[in-house]
Amino acid sequence: MFSLEVTGLLGLIVLAFNIYAIIKIVQSRAGTGVKVLWVLLILFLPVVGLILWFLLGPK
């Protein structure tokens, strides 16, 4: 199993990427509805939402 330090570090990395993604979403030229959906996806499903955003979000 992962130690507590490794798990905490991975959590901080995911949090940092989520904050970066949310900032990029808010700054994008997408419509308000699309922005809200992406932000909600990242907030409720942090890892899955982040992966989907990296694959499908930015053009």
Protein backbone atom coordinates (compact mmCIF):
# COMPACT_ATOMS: atom_id res chain seq x y z
CA MET A 1 0.00 0.00 0.00
CA PHE A 2 0.98 3.60 -0.46
CA SER A 3 2.27 5.40 2.54
CA LEU A 4 0.40 8.39 3.88
CA GLU A 5 3.03 10.78 2.50
CA VAL A 6 2.74 9.45 -1.05
CA THR A 7 -1.05 9.48 -0.94
CA GLY A 8 -1.05 13.05 0.37
CA LEU A 9 1.41 14.15 -2.30
CA LEU A 10 -0.73 12.61 -5.04
CA GLY A 11 -3.77 14.39 -3.61
CA LEU A 12 -1.95 17.73 -3.70
CA ILE A 13 -0.88 17.13 -7.30
CA VAL A 14 -4.46 16.34 -8.33
CA LEU A 15 -5.68 19.43 -6.47
CA ALA A 16 -3.10 21.64 -8.21
CA PHE A 17 -4.08 20.29 -11.65
CA ASN A 18 -7.77 20.74 -10.85
CA ILE A 19 -7.22 24.38 -9.86
CA TYR A 20 -5.20 24.93 -13.06
CA ALA A 21 -7.97 23.33 -15.17
CA ILE A 22 -10.70 25.42 -13.52
CA ILE A 23 -8.75 28.63 -14.11
CA LYS A 24 -8.24 27.70 -17.77
CA ILE A 25 -11.93 26.85 -18.14
CA VAL A 26 -13.04 30.18 -16.69
CA GLN A 27 -10.60 32.06 -18.96
CA SER A 28 -11.71 30.21 -22.11
CA ARG A 29 -14.02 31.60 -24.77
CA ALA A 30 -16.55 28.79 -24.28
CA GLY A 31 -20.14 29.56 -23.42
CA THR A 32 -21.23 29.93 -19.82
CA GLY A 33 -23.16 26.66 -19.80
CA VAL A 34 -20.18 24.70 -21.09
CA LYS A 35 -17.89 26.30 -18.52
CA VAL A 36 -20.28 25.45 -15.69
CA LEU A 37 -20.55 21.83 -16.83
CA TRP A 38 -16.77 21.40 -17.04
CA VAL A 39 -16.21 22.99 -13.62
CA LEU A 40 -18.92 20.82 -12.04
CA LEU A 41 -17.45 17.70 -13.64
CA ILE A 42 -14.01 18.52 -12.25
CA LEU A 43 -15.40 19.34 -8.80
CA PHE A 44 -17.54 16.21 -8.44
CA LEU A 45 -15.21 13.75 -10.22
CA PRO A 46 -11.74 15.25 -9.71
CA VAL A 47 -9.58 12.58 -11.38
CA VAL A 48 -12.01 11.48 -14.10
CA GLY A 49 -13.09 15.06 -14.82
CA LEU A 50 -9.49 16.20 -15.09
CA ILE A 51 -8.58 13.38 -17.48
CA LEU A 52 -11.64 14.12 -19.64
CA TRP A 53 -10.81 17.82 -19.67
CA PHE A 54 -7.22 17.13 -20.76
CA LEU A 55 -8.47 14.84 -23.54
CA LEU A 56 -11.59 16.69 -24.70
CA GLY A 57 -11.52 20.22 -23.31
CA PRO A 58 -8.72 22.42 -24.61
CA LYS A 59 -8.43 22.76 -28.35
